[in-house]
């Protein structure tokens, strides 16, 4: 079930107006649909609550001027220093039309290979999928409990349940168990010949 989020339209797009919106605890945003784009703003606290509950790819019922719009969060800009949210980009969706989204990959369980001293490496932390909006998972959990040293989890091993398609090569490695690292003795296999080096530090070798 989609979560409701109230929004208000804005017509003044000057920087001073945008700054005031942020100072009042709101986030400037835009809603993009088939009929064009509409500048809006949402309350920052309510927005964060909604995103926590729905997830990054969740469906939101955005209420603008008493009209409900099923949307997904398309882009979110954040201040790299302060961490404040600067702007949100919502996209109106059709529940019967598939969309492409990025979904987080979680490794679940303690692998047998790790218990044996191996090292678990995760090569892919998020994947691109194609799915109907209602079939988008909040995350893809992969159980690595039975994974042993030398074994891997490939994209082809992900069980989609027929609800979405993975936009990756089937042979791509998601996770693997590497053998335990062992200290190796440095041995070049070569023996240094005895004698005086051609050039010793601090001494000229050419005749003056």
N, C-alpha and C. Protein backbone atom coordinates (compact mmCIF):
# COMPACT_ATOMS: atom_id res chain seq x y z
N UNK A 1 0.85 -1.19 0.00
CA UNK A 1 0.00 0.00 0.00
C UNK A 1 0.88 1.24 0.00
N UNK A 2 0.57 2.18 -0.89
CA UNK A 2 1.37 3.39 -0.99
C UNK A 2 1.14 4.30 0.22
N UNK A 3 2.15 5.06 0.56
CA UNK A 3 2.10 5.96 1.70
C UNK A 3 1.81 7.37 1.21
N UNK A 4 0.95 8.08 1.94
CA UNK A 4 0.60 9.44 1.58
C UNK A 4 1.67 10.42 2.02
N UNK A 5 1.97 11.39 1.15
CA UNK A 5 2.89 12.47 1.49
C UNK A 5 2.30 13.76 0.93
N UNK A 6 2.08 14.72 1.82
CA UNK A 6 1.51 15.99 1.42
C UNK A 6 2.58 16.89 0.80
N UNK A 7 2.20 17.60 -0.26
CA UNK A 7 3.10 18.53 -0.92
C UNK A 7 2.33 19.80 -1.28
N UNK A 8 3.08 20.87 -1.46
CA UNK A 8 2.47 22.14 -1.85
C UNK A 8 3.17 22.68 -3.09
N UNK A 9 2.38 23.25 -3.99
CA UNK A 9 2.95 23.82 -5.20
C UNK A 9 3.71 25.10 -4.88
N UNK A 10 4.64 25.45 -5.74
CA UNK A 10 5.40 26.71 -5.59
C UNK A 10 5.56 27.35 -6.96
N UNK A 11 5.41 28.66 -6.98
CA UNK A 11 5.51 29.39 -8.24
C UNK A 11 6.74 30.29 -8.28
N UNK A 12 7.20 30.69 -7.10
CA UNK A 12 8.38 31.55 -7.04
C UNK A 12 9.63 30.67 -7.04
N UNK A 13 10.38 30.67 -8.13
CA UNK A 13 11.53 29.78 -8.28
C UNK A 13 12.86 30.51 -8.08
N UNK A 14 12.80 31.72 -7.55
CA UNK A 14 14.04 32.46 -7.30
C UNK A 14 14.85 31.79 -6.19
N UNK A 15 16.15 32.00 -6.22
CA UNK A 15 17.03 31.39 -5.21
C UNK A 15 16.66 31.81 -3.80
N UNK A 16 16.25 33.05 -3.65
CA UNK A 16 15.87 33.54 -2.32
C UNK A 16 14.65 32.80 -1.78
N UNK A 17 13.71 32.50 -2.68
CA UNK A 17 12.52 31.76 -2.27
C UNK A 17 12.87 30.31 -1.92
N UNK A 18 13.73 29.71 -2.74
CA UNK A 18 14.16 28.33 -2.49
C UNK A 18 14.90 28.24 -1.16
N UNK A 19 15.74 29.22 -0.87
CA UNK A 19 16.49 29.24 0.39
C UNK A 19 15.53 29.37 1.57
N UNK A 20 14.51 30.20 1.42
CA UNK A 20 13.54 30.39 2.50
C UNK A 20 12.76 29.09 2.77
N UNK A 21 12.43 28.37 1.70
CA UNK A 21 11.72 27.09 1.85
C UNK A 21 12.54 26.14 2.71
N UNK A 22 13.84 26.08 2.44
CA UNK A 22 14.71 25.19 3.21
C UNK A 22 14.84 25.66 4.66
N UNK A 23 14.94 26.96 4.86
CA UNK A 23 15.07 27.51 6.21
C UNK A 23 13.83 27.22 7.05
N UNK A 24 12.69 27.06 6.40
CA UNK A 24 11.43 26.79 7.11
C UNK A 24 11.22 25.29 7.34
N UNK A 25 12.24 24.48 7.03
CA UNK A 25 12.15 23.05 7.31
C UNK A 25 11.51 22.23 6.21
N UNK A 26 11.56 22.74 4.99
CA UNK A 26 10.98 22.03 3.86
C UNK A 26 12.04 21.70 2.82
N UNK A 27 11.68 20.85 1.87
CA UNK A 27 12.59 20.45 0.80
C UNK A 27 11.97 20.84 -0.54
N UNK A 28 12.63 21.71 -1.32
CA UNK A 28 12.14 22.01 -2.66
C UNK A 28 12.15 20.73 -3.50
N UNK A 29 11.16 20.59 -4.35
CA UNK A 29 11.07 19.36 -5.16
C UNK A 29 10.37 19.66 -6.47
N UNK A 30 10.28 18.63 -7.29
CA UNK A 30 9.57 18.74 -8.55
C UNK A 30 8.91 17.40 -8.84
N UNK A 31 7.73 17.46 -9.44
CA UNK A 31 7.04 16.23 -9.81
C UNK A 31 6.94 16.20 -11.33
N UNK A 32 7.48 15.13 -11.91
CA UNK A 32 7.51 14.97 -13.36
C UNK A 32 6.49 13.94 -13.80
N UNK A 33 5.65 14.32 -14.75
CA UNK A 33 4.64 13.41 -15.26
C UNK A 33 4.45 13.57 -16.75
N UNK A 34 3.47 12.87 -17.28
CA UNK A 34 3.20 12.94 -18.72
C UNK A 34 2.76 14.33 -19.16
N UNK A 35 2.18 15.08 -18.23
CA UNK A 35 1.69 16.42 -18.55
C UNK A 35 2.68 17.52 -18.23
N UNK A 36 3.93 17.13 -18.01
CA UNK A 36 4.95 18.12 -17.72
C UNK A 36 5.44 18.05 -16.28
N UNK A 37 6.10 19.11 -15.86
CA UNK A 37 6.69 19.17 -14.53
C UNK A 37 6.03 20.26 -13.69
N UNK A 38 5.98 20.00 -12.38
CA UNK A 38 5.39 20.99 -11.47
C UNK A 38 6.30 21.16 -10.26
N UNK A 39 6.77 22.39 -10.00
CA UNK A 39 7.59 22.64 -8.81
C UNK A 39 6.74 22.55 -7.54
N UNK A 40 7.24 21.89 -6.54
CA UNK A 40 6.54 21.71 -5.27
C UNK A 40 7.54 21.78 -4.13
N UNK A 41 7.05 21.63 -2.91
CA UNK A 41 7.94 21.42 -1.77
C UNK A 41 7.22 20.53 -0.76
N UNK A 42 8.01 19.78 0.01
CA UNK A 42 7.47 18.86 1.01
C UNK A 42 8.15 19.14 2.35
N UNK A 43 7.46 18.81 3.42
CA UNK A 43 8.03 18.97 4.75
C UNK A 43 9.15 17.94 4.93
N UNK A 44 10.32 18.40 5.39
CA UNK A 44 11.49 17.52 5.46
C UNK A 44 11.29 16.37 6.44
N UNK A 45 10.64 16.63 7.58
CA UNK A 45 10.42 15.57 8.58
C UNK A 45 9.48 14.50 8.02
N UNK A 46 8.36 14.96 7.42
CA UNK A 46 7.40 14.01 6.84
C UNK A 46 8.02 13.25 5.68
N UNK A 47 8.87 13.91 4.91
CA UNK A 47 9.54 13.26 3.78
C UNK A 47 10.44 12.14 4.28
N UNK A 48 11.25 12.42 5.30
CA UNK A 48 12.16 11.40 5.83
C UNK A 48 11.40 10.22 6.42
N UNK A 49 10.29 10.50 7.10
CA UNK A 49 9.44 9.42 7.64
C UNK A 49 8.94 8.53 6.51
N UNK A 50 8.49 9.16 5.43
CA UNK A 50 7.95 8.43 4.29
C UNK A 50 9.00 7.54 3.64
N UNK A 51 10.21 8.10 3.43
CA UNK A 51 11.27 7.34 2.79
C UNK A 51 11.71 6.17 3.66
N UNK A 52 11.76 6.38 4.98
CA UNK A 52 12.13 5.28 5.89
C UNK A 52 11.11 4.15 5.81
N UNK A 53 9.85 4.52 5.71
CA UNK A 53 8.78 3.51 5.70
C UNK A 53 8.63 2.83 4.35
N UNK A 54 8.72 3.60 3.28
CA UNK A 54 8.48 3.04 1.94
C UNK A 54 9.74 2.46 1.31
N UNK A 55 10.92 2.97 1.74
CA UNK A 55 12.16 2.55 1.10
C UNK A 55 12.47 3.46 -0.08
N UNK A 56 13.72 3.37 -0.54
CA UNK A 56 14.18 4.26 -1.62
C UNK A 56 13.38 4.06 -2.90
N UNK A 57 12.89 2.85 -3.16
CA UNK A 57 12.15 2.57 -4.39
C UNK A 57 10.67 2.35 -4.14
N UNK A 58 10.18 2.79 -2.98
CA UNK A 58 8.78 2.57 -2.65
C UNK A 58 7.84 3.48 -3.42
N UNK A 59 6.58 3.10 -3.46
CA UNK A 59 5.55 3.89 -4.14
C UNK A 59 4.94 4.86 -3.13
N UNK A 60 4.85 6.11 -3.51
CA UNK A 60 4.32 7.17 -2.64
C UNK A 60 3.12 7.81 -3.33
N UNK A 61 2.07 8.05 -2.53
CA UNK A 61 0.93 8.81 -3.04
C UNK A 61 1.17 10.27 -2.68
N UNK A 62 1.65 11.02 -3.64
CA UNK A 62 1.97 12.43 -3.41
C UNK A 62 0.71 13.26 -3.62
N UNK A 63 0.31 13.98 -2.59
CA UNK A 63 -0.91 14.78 -2.65
C UNK A 63 -0.52 16.23 -2.93
N UNK A 64 -0.89 16.70 -4.13
CA UNK A 64 -0.59 18.07 -4.56
C UNK A 64 -1.90 18.74 -5.00
N UNK A 65 -2.27 19.84 -4.32
CA UNK A 65 -3.50 20.56 -4.66
C UNK A 65 -4.69 19.63 -4.68
N UNK A 66 -4.76 18.79 -3.62
CA UNK A 66 -5.89 17.86 -3.43
C UNK A 66 -5.97 16.78 -4.50
N UNK A 67 -4.89 16.58 -5.25
CA UNK A 67 -4.86 15.51 -6.23
C UNK A 67 -3.78 14.50 -5.85
N UNK A 68 -4.12 13.22 -5.96
CA UNK A 68 -3.17 12.15 -5.62
C UNK A 68 -2.40 11.71 -6.86
N UNK A 69 -1.09 11.60 -6.70
CA UNK A 69 -0.23 11.16 -7.80
C UNK A 69 0.64 9.99 -7.32
N UNK A 70 0.50 8.81 -7.91
CA UNK A 70 1.42 7.71 -7.54
C UNK A 70 2.80 8.02 -8.10
N UNK A 71 3.78 8.14 -7.23
CA UNK A 71 5.12 8.54 -7.68
C UNK A 71 6.18 7.65 -7.04
N UNK A 72 7.37 7.73 -7.63
CA UNK A 72 8.57 7.14 -7.04
C UNK A 72 9.62 8.23 -6.97
N UNK A 73 10.51 8.12 -5.99
CA UNK A 73 11.59 9.08 -5.86
C UNK A 73 12.63 8.80 -6.94
N UNK A 74 12.81 9.74 -7.84
CA UNK A 74 13.71 9.55 -8.96
C UNK A 74 15.13 9.98 -8.62
N UNK A 75 15.26 11.11 -7.93
CA UNK A 75 16.59 11.63 -7.58
C UNK A 75 16.49 12.44 -6.30
N UNK A 76 17.54 12.39 -5.51
CA UNK A 76 17.58 13.12 -4.25
C UNK A 76 18.94 13.77 -4.11
N UNK A 77 18.96 15.11 -4.05
CA UNK A 77 20.21 15.83 -3.93
C UNK A 77 20.47 16.17 -2.45
N UNK A 78 21.74 16.00 -2.07
CA UNK A 78 22.10 16.22 -0.67
C UNK A 78 23.35 17.07 -0.57
N UNK A 79 23.40 17.94 0.43
CA UNK A 79 24.58 18.77 0.65
C UNK A 79 25.74 17.88 1.06
N UNK A 80 26.85 17.87 0.30
CA UNK A 80 27.96 16.96 0.61
C UNK A 80 28.66 17.28 1.93
N UNK A 81 28.51 18.51 2.42
CA UNK A 81 29.17 18.89 3.67
C UNK A 81 28.24 18.75 4.87
N UNK A 82 27.08 19.41 4.79
CA UNK A 82 26.14 19.40 5.93
C UNK A 82 25.28 18.14 5.97
N UNK A 83 25.07 17.53 4.80
CA UNK A 83 24.23 16.34 4.76
C UNK A 83 22.75 16.65 4.61
N UNK A 84 22.39 17.94 4.53
CA UNK A 84 20.98 18.31 4.38
C UNK A 84 20.48 17.94 2.98
N UNK A 85 19.18 17.62 2.92
CA UNK A 85 18.58 17.33 1.62
C UNK A 85 18.23 18.65 0.93
N UNK A 86 18.69 18.81 -0.30
CA UNK A 86 18.55 20.06 -1.02
C UNK A 86 17.39 20.06 -2.01
N UNK A 87 17.12 18.91 -2.62
CA UNK A 87 16.09 18.86 -3.65
C UNK A 87 15.66 17.42 -3.90
N UNK A 88 14.38 17.23 -4.16
CA UNK A 88 13.85 15.90 -4.46
C UNK A 88 13.16 15.93 -5.82
N UNK A 89 13.31 14.84 -6.54
CA UNK A 89 12.74 14.72 -7.88
C UNK A 89 11.82 13.49 -7.88
N UNK A 90 10.50 13.74 -8.02
CA UNK A 90 9.52 12.66 -8.04
C UNK A 90 9.05 12.40 -9.47
N UNK A 91 8.80 11.13 -9.76
CA UNK A 91 8.34 10.76 -11.09
C UNK A 91 7.00 10.04 -10.98
N UNK A 92 6.00 10.56 -11.71
CA UNK A 92 4.69 9.91 -11.74
C UNK A 92 4.81 8.58 -12.47
N UNK A 93 4.22 7.53 -11.90
CA UNK A 93 4.36 6.20 -12.49
C UNK A 93 3.00 5.61 -12.87
N UNK A 94 3.06 4.66 -13.78
CA UNK A 94 1.90 3.87 -14.16
C UNK A 94 2.11 2.49 -13.56
N UNK A 95 1.21 2.04 -12.72
CA UNK A 95 1.39 0.77 -12.01
C UNK A 95 1.43 -0.42 -12.96
N UNK A 96 1.01 -0.21 -14.22
CA UNK A 96 1.00 -1.30 -15.19
C UNK A 96 2.20 -1.24 -16.15
N UNK A 97 3.09 -0.29 -15.91
CA UNK A 97 4.26 -0.12 -16.77
C UNK A 97 5.54 -0.41 -16.00
N UNK A 98 6.40 -1.25 -16.56
CA UNK A 98 7.64 -1.61 -15.88
C UNK A 98 8.61 -0.44 -15.86
N UNK A 99 9.43 -0.41 -14.80
CA UNK A 99 10.43 0.63 -14.64
C UNK A 99 11.78 -0.01 -14.32
N UNK A 100 12.85 0.73 -14.58
CA UNK A 100 14.20 0.29 -14.23
C UNK A 100 14.65 1.02 -12.97
N UNK A 101 15.09 0.27 -11.97
CA UNK A 101 15.54 0.87 -10.71
C UNK A 101 16.78 0.13 -10.20
N UNK A 102 17.49 0.80 -9.29
CA UNK A 102 18.63 0.19 -8.61
C UNK A 102 18.17 -0.33 -7.25
N UNK A 103 18.54 -1.58 -6.94
CA UNK A 103 18.13 -2.19 -5.68
C UNK A 103 19.36 -2.69 -4.92
N UNK A 104 19.36 -2.46 -3.62
CA UNK A 104 20.49 -2.87 -2.78
C UNK A 104 20.55 -4.39 -2.63
N UNK A 105 21.77 -4.94 -2.55
CA UNK A 105 21.97 -6.37 -2.35
C UNK A 105 22.51 -6.60 -0.94
N UNK A 106 21.82 -7.42 -0.16
CA UNK A 106 22.25 -7.75 1.20
C UNK A 106 22.69 -9.21 1.27
N UNK A 107 23.86 -9.46 1.86
CA UNK A 107 24.30 -10.83 2.10
C UNK A 107 23.86 -11.23 3.51
N UNK A 108 23.15 -12.36 3.58
CA UNK A 108 22.56 -12.79 4.85
C UNK A 108 23.20 -14.09 5.32
N UNK A 109 23.47 -14.18 6.62
CA UNK A 109 24.01 -15.40 7.20
C UNK A 109 25.53 -15.39 7.31
N UNK A 110 26.04 -16.31 8.13
CA UNK A 110 27.49 -16.45 8.28
C UNK A 110 27.95 -17.63 7.44
N UNK A 111 28.77 -17.37 6.46
CA UNK A 111 29.19 -18.39 5.51
C UNK A 111 30.10 -19.44 6.16
N UNK A 112 29.95 -20.69 5.71
CA UNK A 112 30.81 -21.78 6.19
C UNK A 112 32.27 -21.47 5.89
N UNK A 113 32.52 -20.88 4.72
CA UNK A 113 33.89 -20.56 4.34
C UNK A 113 34.54 -19.56 5.27
N UNK A 114 33.75 -18.64 5.80
CA UNK A 114 34.29 -17.65 6.74
C UNK A 114 34.66 -18.34 8.06
N UNK A 115 33.83 -19.28 8.47
CA UNK A 115 34.12 -20.03 9.70
C UNK A 115 35.41 -20.83 9.55
N UNK A 116 35.72 -21.21 8.31
CA UNK A 116 36.95 -21.97 8.04
C UNK A 116 38.15 -21.06 7.80
N UNK A 117 37.96 -19.76 7.99
CA UNK A 117 39.07 -18.83 7.84
C UNK A 117 39.10 -18.07 6.54
N UNK A 118 38.13 -18.32 5.66
CA UNK A 118 38.09 -17.62 4.39
C UNK A 118 37.59 -16.19 4.55
N UNK A 119 37.70 -15.44 3.47
CA UNK A 119 37.29 -14.03 3.48
C UNK A 119 36.13 -13.83 2.52
N UNK A 120 35.03 -13.30 3.04
CA UNK A 120 33.85 -13.04 2.20
C UNK A 120 34.02 -11.71 1.48
N UNK A 121 33.92 -11.74 0.15
CA UNK A 121 34.03 -10.52 -0.65
C UNK A 121 32.74 -10.31 -1.42
N UNK A 122 32.20 -9.10 -1.32
CA UNK A 122 30.99 -8.74 -2.06
C UNK A 122 31.37 -7.82 -3.21
N UNK A 123 31.21 -8.30 -4.42
CA UNK A 123 31.63 -7.55 -5.61
C UNK A 123 30.56 -6.57 -6.08
N UNK A 124 29.29 -6.91 -5.87
CA UNK A 124 28.17 -6.07 -6.30
C UNK A 124 27.32 -5.73 -5.09
N UNK A 125 27.13 -4.44 -4.84
CA UNK A 125 26.35 -4.00 -3.69
C UNK A 125 24.94 -3.55 -4.08
N UNK A 126 24.72 -3.29 -5.35
CA UNK A 126 23.37 -3.00 -5.83
C UNK A 126 23.25 -3.44 -7.28
N UNK A 127 22.04 -3.79 -7.66
CA UNK A 127 21.80 -4.28 -9.01
C UNK A 127 20.69 -3.48 -9.66
N UNK A 128 20.71 -3.47 -10.99
CA UNK A 128 19.65 -2.83 -11.76
C UNK A 128 18.61 -3.89 -12.11
N UNK A 129 17.35 -3.57 -11.86
CA UNK A 129 16.28 -4.52 -12.19
C UNK A 129 15.20 -3.80 -12.98
N UNK A 130 14.39 -4.60 -13.68
CA UNK A 130 13.22 -4.10 -14.39
C UNK A 130 12.01 -4.81 -13.80
N UNK A 131 11.02 -4.02 -13.37
CA UNK A 131 9.86 -4.63 -12.72
C UNK A 131 8.67 -3.67 -12.74
N UNK A 132 7.49 -4.22 -12.53
CA UNK A 132 6.33 -3.38 -12.30
C UNK A 132 6.53 -2.69 -10.94
N UNK A 133 6.07 -1.46 -10.79
CA UNK A 133 6.29 -0.74 -9.54
C UNK A 133 5.88 -1.52 -8.29
N UNK A 134 4.81 -2.29 -8.40
CA UNK A 134 4.33 -3.04 -7.24
C UNK A 134 5.17 -4.26 -6.91
N UNK A 135 6.09 -4.65 -7.81
CA UNK A 135 6.92 -5.84 -7.59
C UNK A 135 8.37 -5.51 -7.25
N UNK A 136 8.65 -4.24 -7.03
CA UNK A 136 10.03 -3.85 -6.72
C UNK A 136 10.34 -4.19 -5.26
N UNK A 137 11.35 -5.04 -5.01
CA UNK A 137 11.69 -5.39 -3.63
C UNK A 137 12.47 -4.24 -2.98
N UNK A 138 12.31 -4.05 -1.66
CA UNK A 138 13.08 -3.01 -0.97
C UNK A 138 14.58 -3.31 -1.01
N UNK A 139 14.91 -4.60 -1.06
CA UNK A 139 16.30 -5.06 -1.17
C UNK A 139 16.28 -6.51 -1.61
N UNK A 140 17.42 -6.98 -2.11
CA UNK A 140 17.54 -8.39 -2.50
C UNK A 140 18.47 -9.07 -1.50
N UNK A 141 17.91 -10.00 -0.73
CA UNK A 141 18.68 -10.72 0.28
C UNK A 141 19.21 -12.03 -0.31
N UNK A 142 20.50 -12.27 -0.13
CA UNK A 142 21.12 -13.50 -0.62
C UNK A 142 21.73 -14.25 0.55
N UNK A 143 21.27 -15.48 0.75
CA UNK A 143 21.76 -16.31 1.86
C UNK A 143 23.10 -16.95 1.47
N UNK A 144 24.14 -16.62 2.24
CA UNK A 144 25.48 -17.16 1.95
C UNK A 144 25.92 -18.19 2.99
N UNK A 145 24.98 -18.66 3.78
CA UNK A 145 25.30 -19.58 4.88
C UNK A 145 26.09 -20.80 4.42
N UNK A 146 25.71 -21.38 3.30
CA UNK A 146 26.36 -22.62 2.83
C UNK A 146 27.52 -22.38 1.87
N UNK A 147 27.92 -21.14 1.72
CA UNK A 147 29.01 -20.82 0.80
C UNK A 147 30.36 -21.20 1.41
N UNK A 148 31.11 -22.03 0.68
CA UNK A 148 32.40 -22.50 1.18
C UNK A 148 33.56 -21.81 0.46
N UNK A 149 34.75 -22.01 0.98
CA UNK A 149 35.94 -21.39 0.40
C UNK A 149 36.06 -21.78 -1.08
N UNK A 150 36.27 -20.78 -1.92
CA UNK A 150 36.40 -21.03 -3.35
C UNK A 150 35.10 -20.96 -4.11
N UNK A 151 33.98 -20.88 -3.41
CA UNK A 151 32.69 -20.83 -4.08
C UNK A 151 32.24 -19.38 -4.31
N UNK A 152 31.34 -19.20 -5.27
CA UNK A 152 30.85 -17.86 -5.61
C UNK A 152 29.33 -17.86 -5.74
N UNK A 153 28.77 -16.65 -5.64
CA UNK A 153 27.36 -16.43 -5.93
C UNK A 153 27.30 -15.57 -7.18
N UNK A 154 26.62 -16.08 -8.22
CA UNK A 154 26.52 -15.36 -9.48
C UNK A 154 25.15 -14.71 -9.62
N UNK A 155 25.03 -13.80 -10.56
CA UNK A 155 23.73 -13.19 -10.84
C UNK A 155 22.71 -14.25 -11.18
N UNK A 156 23.15 -15.30 -11.85
CA UNK A 156 22.24 -16.39 -12.23
C UNK A 156 21.69 -17.15 -11.02
N UNK A 157 22.33 -16.99 -9.85
CA UNK A 157 21.88 -17.69 -8.65
C UNK A 157 20.77 -16.94 -7.90
N UNK A 158 20.48 -15.70 -8.31
CA UNK A 158 19.45 -14.91 -7.63
C UNK A 158 18.07 -15.41 -8.01
N UNK A 159 17.25 -15.68 -7.00
CA UNK A 159 15.88 -16.15 -7.24
C UNK A 159 14.94 -14.95 -7.31
N UNK A 160 14.44 -14.67 -8.49
CA UNK A 160 13.58 -13.49 -8.68
C UNK A 160 12.11 -13.78 -8.44
N UNK A 161 11.75 -15.06 -8.43
CA UNK A 161 10.35 -15.41 -8.25
C UNK A 161 9.49 -14.95 -9.42
N UNK A 162 10.14 -14.59 -10.54
CA UNK A 162 9.40 -14.14 -11.70
C UNK A 162 8.83 -12.73 -11.56
N UNK A 163 9.21 -12.03 -10.49
CA UNK A 163 8.65 -10.70 -10.25
C UNK A 163 9.47 -9.57 -10.87
N UNK A 164 10.73 -9.85 -11.17
CA UNK A 164 11.56 -8.81 -11.78
C UNK A 164 12.67 -9.45 -12.60
N UNK A 165 13.29 -8.64 -13.45
CA UNK A 165 14.40 -9.09 -14.29
C UNK A 165 15.67 -8.37 -13.87
N UNK A 166 16.76 -9.10 -13.84
CA UNK A 166 18.05 -8.51 -13.50
C UNK A 166 18.74 -8.05 -14.78
N UNK A 167 19.15 -6.79 -14.82
CA UNK A 167 19.79 -6.23 -16.00
C UNK A 167 21.30 -6.38 -15.94
N UNK A 168 21.75 -7.62 -15.74
CA UNK A 168 23.17 -7.93 -15.61
C UNK A 168 23.48 -9.23 -16.34
N UNK A 169 24.75 -9.41 -16.67
CA UNK A 169 25.17 -10.68 -17.24
C UNK A 169 25.00 -11.78 -16.18
N UNK A 170 24.52 -12.93 -16.61
CA UNK A 170 24.28 -14.03 -15.68
C UNK A 170 25.56 -14.50 -14.99
N UNK A 171 26.69 -14.27 -15.63
CA UNK A 171 27.97 -14.76 -15.10
C UNK A 171 28.64 -13.78 -14.13
N UNK A 172 28.05 -12.62 -13.92
CA UNK A 172 28.66 -11.64 -13.00
C UNK A 172 28.68 -12.18 -11.58
N UNK A 173 29.81 -11.97 -10.90
CA UNK A 173 29.98 -12.45 -9.53
C UNK A 173 29.44 -11.43 -8.54
N UNK A 174 28.55 -11.87 -7.66
CA UNK A 174 28.02 -11.00 -6.62
C UNK A 174 28.85 -11.11 -5.34
N UNK A 175 29.19 -12.33 -4.98
CA UNK A 175 29.98 -12.55 -3.76
C UNK A 175 30.81 -13.82 -3.91
N UNK A 176 31.89 -13.89 -3.15
CA UNK A 176 32.76 -15.07 -3.19
C UNK A 176 33.48 -15.23 -1.86
N UNK A 177 33.97 -16.45 -1.62
CA UNK A 177 34.79 -16.73 -0.43
C UNK A 177 36.21 -16.97 -0.89
N UNK A 178 37.10 -16.06 -0.51
CA UNK A 178 38.50 -16.18 -0.87
C UNK A 178 39.25 -17.00 0.18
N UNK A 179 40.27 -17.76 -0.25
CA UNK A 179 41.05 -18.56 0.70
C UNK A 179 41.72 -17.66 1.75
N UNK A 180 42.03 -18.23 2.90
CA UNK A 180 42.72 -17.45 3.94
C UNK A 180 44.06 -16.94 3.42
N UNK A 181 44.40 -15.71 3.79
CA UNK A 181 45.68 -15.15 3.36
C UNK A 181 46.80 -15.73 4.21
N UNK A 182 47.86 -16.17 3.54
CA UNK A 182 49.01 -16.73 4.25
C UNK A 182 50.26 -15.94 3.90
N UNK A 183 51.10 -15.76 4.90
CA UNK A 183 52.35 -15.06 4.66
C UNK A 183 53.28 -15.95 3.85
N UNK A 184 53.82 -15.39 2.79
CA UNK A 184 54.71 -16.15 1.94
C UNK A 184 56.14 -15.63 2.09
N UNK A 185 57.08 -16.55 2.10
CA UNK A 185 58.47 -16.14 2.18
C UNK A 185 58.89 -15.53 0.85
N UNK A 186 59.63 -14.45 0.96
CA UNK A 186 60.11 -13.78 -0.24
C UNK A 186 61.29 -14.56 -0.81
N UNK A 187 61.12 -15.12 -1.98
CA UNK A 187 62.16 -15.92 -2.59
C UNK A 187 62.12 -15.66 -4.10
N UNK A 188 63.12 -14.93 -4.59
CA UNK A 188 63.13 -14.59 -6.01
C UNK A 188 63.66 -15.73 -6.86
N UNK A 189 64.29 -16.70 -6.22
CA UNK A 189 64.84 -17.82 -6.97
C UNK A 189 66.19 -17.51 -7.57
N UNK A 190 66.71 -16.32 -7.28
CA UNK A 190 68.01 -15.95 -7.82
C UNK A 190 69.02 -15.75 -6.69
N UNK A 191 70.26 -16.11 -6.96
CA UNK A 191 71.31 -15.91 -5.97
C UNK A 191 72.19 -14.76 -6.44
N UNK A 192 72.53 -13.89 -5.49
CA UNK A 192 73.36 -12.74 -5.82
C UNK A 192 74.82 -13.17 -5.90
N UNK A 193 75.47 -12.75 -6.96
CA UNK A 193 76.87 -13.11 -7.14
C UNK A 193 77.76 -12.27 -6.23
N UNK A 194 78.81 -12.91 -5.74
CA UNK A 194 79.74 -12.20 -4.88
C UNK A 194 80.61 -11.27 -5.72
N UNK A 195 81.09 -10.21 -5.09
CA UNK A 195 81.97 -9.29 -5.80
C UNK A 195 81.62 -7.86 -5.48
N UNK A 196 82.37 -6.97 -6.06
CA UNK A 196 82.15 -5.56 -5.83
C UNK A 196 81.16 -5.04 -6.86
N UNK A 197 80.13 -4.32 -6.38
CA UNK A 197 79.15 -3.79 -7.33
C UNK A 197 79.79 -2.82 -8.29
N UNK A 198 79.11 -2.66 -9.44
CA UNK A 198 79.66 -1.79 -10.47
C UNK A 198 79.77 -0.35 -10.01
N UNK A 199 78.82 0.09 -9.21
CA UNK A 199 78.86 1.47 -8.71
C UNK A 199 78.48 1.49 -7.25
N UNK A 200 79.39 1.81 -6.39
CA UNK A 200 79.10 1.92 -4.97
C UNK A 200 78.71 3.35 -4.66
N UNK A 201 77.80 3.50 -3.72
CA UNK A 201 77.30 4.82 -3.36
C UNK A 201 78.45 5.70 -2.87
N UNK A 202 78.53 6.91 -3.39
CA UNK A 202 79.54 7.87 -2.93
C UNK A 202 80.85 7.75 -3.61
N UNK A 203 80.97 6.88 -4.66
CA UNK A 203 82.25 6.70 -5.33
C UNK A 203 82.06 6.71 -6.82
N UNK A 204 82.84 7.50 -7.51
CA UNK A 204 82.76 7.57 -8.95
C UNK A 204 83.42 6.32 -9.56
N UNK A 205 82.84 5.79 -10.59
CA UNK A 205 83.39 4.61 -11.22
C UNK A 205 84.10 4.93 -12.53
N UNK A 206 83.80 6.10 -13.06
CA UNK A 206 84.47 6.48 -14.30
C UNK A 206 85.79 7.17 -14.00
N UNK A 207 86.71 6.98 -14.88
CA UNK A 207 88.02 7.58 -14.66
C UNK A 207 87.98 9.07 -15.04
N UNK A 208 88.63 9.87 -14.17
CA UNK A 208 88.61 11.29 -14.39
C UNK A 208 89.72 11.71 -15.33
